């Protein structure tokens, strides 16, 4: 799937330099960045969404005491 993005000039220069110095393509490094960073982005943004629902009272929360009891950790 082809995707187009605009980069800041400094970022583009850094990417050009890295590609030139290593003999790899810019596309290679962009794919690497996306594949390595997507999990962190998912974690961050999905957690932020859950936190917002917690703050609004839309998400059920459990106390540590209730979780320990439900899991039988205090027996």
N, C-alpha and C. Protein backbone atom coordinates (compact mmCIF):
# COMPACT_ATOMS: atom_id res chain seq x y z
N UNK A 1 0.85 -1.17 0.00
CA UNK A 1 0.00 0.00 0.00
C UNK A 1 0.89 1.23 0.00
N UNK A 2 0.69 2.08 -0.95
CA UNK A 2 1.49 3.30 -1.03
C UNK A 2 0.89 4.36 -0.12
N UNK A 3 1.77 5.03 0.61
CA UNK A 3 1.36 6.10 1.52
C UNK A 3 2.34 7.24 1.36
N UNK A 4 1.82 8.44 1.46
CA UNK A 4 2.67 9.61 1.31
C UNK A 4 2.65 10.42 2.60
N UNK A 5 3.83 10.89 3.01
CA UNK A 5 3.91 11.74 4.20
C UNK A 5 4.83 12.92 3.92
N UNK A 6 4.62 13.99 4.64
CA UNK A 6 5.50 15.15 4.56
C UNK A 6 6.37 15.15 5.81
N UNK A 7 7.65 15.34 5.61
CA UNK A 7 8.59 15.38 6.73
C UNK A 7 9.16 16.79 6.85
N UNK A 8 9.52 17.16 8.06
CA UNK A 8 10.23 18.41 8.28
C UNK A 8 11.56 18.32 7.54
N UNK A 9 12.06 19.44 7.09
CA UNK A 9 13.30 19.46 6.31
C UNK A 9 14.45 18.79 7.07
N UNK A 10 14.58 19.07 8.34
CA UNK A 10 15.66 18.48 9.14
C UNK A 10 15.52 16.95 9.20
N UNK A 11 14.32 16.46 9.37
CA UNK A 11 14.08 15.02 9.41
C UNK A 11 14.42 14.39 8.07
N UNK A 12 14.02 15.04 7.00
CA UNK A 12 14.33 14.54 5.65
C UNK A 12 15.84 14.48 5.43
N UNK A 13 16.55 15.49 5.90
CA UNK A 13 18.01 15.50 5.75
C UNK A 13 18.65 14.37 6.55
N UNK A 14 18.18 14.15 7.75
CA UNK A 14 18.71 13.07 8.57
C UNK A 14 18.45 11.71 7.93
N UNK A 15 17.26 11.55 7.39
CA UNK A 15 16.91 10.30 6.72
C UNK A 15 17.77 10.10 5.48
N UNK A 16 17.96 11.17 4.70
CA UNK A 16 18.83 11.10 3.52
C UNK A 16 20.25 10.70 3.91
N UNK A 17 20.76 11.31 4.97
CA UNK A 17 22.12 11.02 5.42
C UNK A 17 22.25 9.56 5.86
N UNK A 18 21.28 9.11 6.66
CA UNK A 18 21.31 7.72 7.14
C UNK A 18 21.28 6.75 5.98
N UNK A 19 20.41 6.98 5.02
CA UNK A 19 20.30 6.10 3.86
C UNK A 19 21.61 6.10 3.06
N UNK A 20 22.17 7.28 2.85
CA UNK A 20 23.42 7.38 2.07
C UNK A 20 24.57 6.69 2.78
N UNK A 21 24.66 6.84 4.08
CA UNK A 21 25.77 6.26 4.83
C UNK A 21 25.69 4.74 4.95
N UNK A 22 24.49 4.21 4.90
CA UNK A 22 24.32 2.77 5.12
C UNK A 22 24.02 1.99 3.84
N UNK A 23 23.71 2.70 2.77
CA UNK A 23 23.39 2.02 1.52
C UNK A 23 21.99 1.43 1.48
N UNK A 24 21.18 1.80 2.42
CA UNK A 24 19.79 1.33 2.43
C UNK A 24 18.90 2.46 1.92
N UNK A 25 17.66 2.12 1.60
CA UNK A 25 16.74 3.13 1.08
C UNK A 25 16.05 3.87 2.22
N UNK A 26 15.56 5.05 1.90
CA UNK A 26 14.76 5.78 2.88
C UNK A 26 13.51 4.99 3.23
N UNK A 27 12.94 4.33 2.23
CA UNK A 27 11.73 3.53 2.47
C UNK A 27 12.00 2.43 3.49
N UNK A 28 13.20 1.83 3.43
CA UNK A 28 13.56 0.80 4.41
C UNK A 28 13.47 1.36 5.82
N UNK A 29 14.08 2.53 6.03
CA UNK A 29 14.09 3.11 7.38
C UNK A 29 12.71 3.59 7.81
N UNK A 30 11.93 4.11 6.90
CA UNK A 30 10.57 4.51 7.25
C UNK A 30 9.74 3.31 7.66
N UNK A 31 9.86 2.20 6.94
CA UNK A 31 9.15 0.97 7.33
C UNK A 31 9.60 0.51 8.71
N UNK A 32 10.91 0.52 8.94
CA UNK A 32 11.44 0.11 10.25
C UNK A 32 10.87 0.97 11.37
N UNK A 33 10.89 2.28 11.17
CA UNK A 33 10.36 3.19 12.18
C UNK A 33 8.89 2.92 12.48
N UNK A 34 8.12 2.71 11.44
CA UNK A 34 6.69 2.46 11.63
C UNK A 34 6.47 1.13 12.32
N UNK A 35 7.13 0.09 11.84
CA UNK A 35 6.92 -1.24 12.43
C UNK A 35 7.37 -1.30 13.88
N UNK A 36 8.46 -0.64 14.20
CA UNK A 36 8.95 -0.66 15.59
C UNK A 36 8.16 0.28 16.49
N UNK A 37 7.60 1.34 15.92
CA UNK A 37 6.92 2.33 16.73
C UNK A 37 5.42 2.15 16.86
N UNK A 38 4.82 1.35 15.98
CA UNK A 38 3.36 1.26 16.00
C UNK A 38 2.83 0.68 17.30
N UNK A 39 3.54 -0.29 17.86
CA UNK A 39 3.08 -0.91 19.11
C UNK A 39 3.07 0.12 20.24
N UNK A 40 4.11 0.93 20.30
CA UNK A 40 4.15 1.98 21.33
C UNK A 40 3.03 2.99 21.12
N UNK A 41 2.77 3.34 19.89
CA UNK A 41 1.70 4.29 19.59
C UNK A 41 0.34 3.71 19.96
N UNK A 42 0.13 2.43 19.64
CA UNK A 42 -1.13 1.78 20.01
C UNK A 42 -1.29 1.78 21.52
N UNK A 43 -0.23 1.38 22.23
CA UNK A 43 -0.29 1.34 23.69
C UNK A 43 -0.65 2.71 24.25
N UNK A 44 0.02 3.74 23.76
CA UNK A 44 -0.19 5.08 24.29
C UNK A 44 -1.61 5.59 24.01
N UNK A 45 -2.01 5.56 22.76
CA UNK A 45 -3.29 6.15 22.40
C UNK A 45 -4.48 5.33 22.89
N UNK A 46 -4.37 4.01 22.88
CA UNK A 46 -5.46 3.20 23.41
C UNK A 46 -5.56 3.35 24.92
N UNK A 47 -4.42 3.45 25.61
CA UNK A 47 -4.44 3.67 27.06
C UNK A 47 -5.03 5.04 27.38
N UNK A 48 -4.68 6.04 26.60
CA UNK A 48 -5.23 7.38 26.82
C UNK A 48 -6.74 7.37 26.66
N UNK A 49 -7.24 6.60 25.71
CA UNK A 49 -8.68 6.49 25.49
C UNK A 49 -9.36 5.85 26.70
N UNK A 50 -8.76 4.78 27.22
CA UNK A 50 -9.31 4.11 28.40
C UNK A 50 -9.27 5.06 29.60
N UNK A 51 -8.17 5.77 29.78
CA UNK A 51 -8.06 6.70 30.89
C UNK A 51 -9.15 7.77 30.83
N UNK A 52 -9.43 8.25 29.65
CA UNK A 52 -10.49 9.26 29.49
C UNK A 52 -11.85 8.67 29.89
N UNK A 53 -12.09 7.42 29.50
CA UNK A 53 -13.35 6.78 29.89
C UNK A 53 -13.41 6.56 31.40
N UNK A 54 -12.29 6.23 32.02
CA UNK A 54 -12.25 6.07 33.48
C UNK A 54 -12.59 7.40 34.14
N UNK A 55 -11.97 8.46 33.66
CA UNK A 55 -12.23 9.79 34.24
C UNK A 55 -13.69 10.21 34.10
N UNK A 56 -14.34 9.78 33.03
CA UNK A 56 -15.75 10.12 32.80
C UNK A 56 -16.69 9.16 33.52
N UNK A 57 -16.12 8.13 34.17
CA UNK A 57 -16.95 7.15 34.86
C UNK A 57 -17.58 6.15 33.92
N UNK A 58 -17.07 6.04 32.71
CA UNK A 58 -17.63 5.14 31.71
C UNK A 58 -16.93 3.77 31.68
N UNK A 59 -15.88 3.63 32.45
CA UNK A 59 -15.09 2.39 32.45
C UNK A 59 -15.09 1.82 33.86
N UNK A 60 -15.36 0.53 33.99
CA UNK A 60 -15.36 -0.08 35.31
C UNK A 60 -13.93 -0.21 35.82
N UNK A 61 -13.73 0.12 37.08
CA UNK A 61 -12.41 0.01 37.71
C UNK A 61 -12.54 -0.87 38.95
N UNK A 62 -11.41 -1.46 39.32
CA UNK A 62 -11.38 -2.37 40.46
C UNK A 62 -10.27 -1.95 41.40
N UNK A 63 -10.51 -2.07 42.68
CA UNK A 63 -9.47 -1.77 43.66
C UNK A 63 -8.48 -2.93 43.70
N UNK A 64 -7.29 -2.65 44.19
CA UNK A 64 -6.28 -3.69 44.34
C UNK A 64 -6.81 -4.78 45.27
N UNK A 65 -7.48 -4.37 46.30
CA UNK A 65 -8.03 -5.33 47.26
C UNK A 65 -9.02 -6.27 46.57
N UNK A 66 -9.91 -5.73 45.72
CA UNK A 66 -10.89 -6.57 45.03
C UNK A 66 -10.22 -7.53 44.05
N UNK A 67 -9.21 -7.06 43.35
CA UNK A 67 -8.49 -7.91 42.40
C UNK A 67 -7.79 -9.04 43.13
N UNK A 68 -7.11 -8.72 44.23
CA UNK A 68 -6.41 -9.75 45.00
C UNK A 68 -7.41 -10.80 45.51
N UNK A 69 -8.57 -10.33 45.99
CA UNK A 69 -9.59 -11.24 46.48
C UNK A 69 -10.11 -12.14 45.36
N UNK A 70 -10.45 -11.53 44.21
CA UNK A 70 -10.99 -12.28 43.08
C UNK A 70 -10.00 -13.31 42.56
N UNK A 71 -8.72 -13.01 42.64
CA UNK A 71 -7.69 -13.93 42.14
C UNK A 71 -7.23 -14.92 43.22
N UNK A 72 -7.75 -14.77 44.43
CA UNK A 72 -7.38 -15.67 45.52
C UNK A 72 -5.97 -15.49 45.99
N UNK A 73 -5.44 -14.29 45.91
CA UNK A 73 -4.07 -14.03 46.28
C UNK A 73 -3.88 -13.81 47.78
N UNK A 74 -4.96 -13.57 48.50
CA UNK A 74 -4.84 -13.32 49.93
C UNK A 74 -5.20 -14.53 50.78
N UNK A 75 -5.39 -15.66 50.13
CA UNK A 75 -5.78 -16.87 50.87
C UNK A 75 -4.58 -17.53 51.50
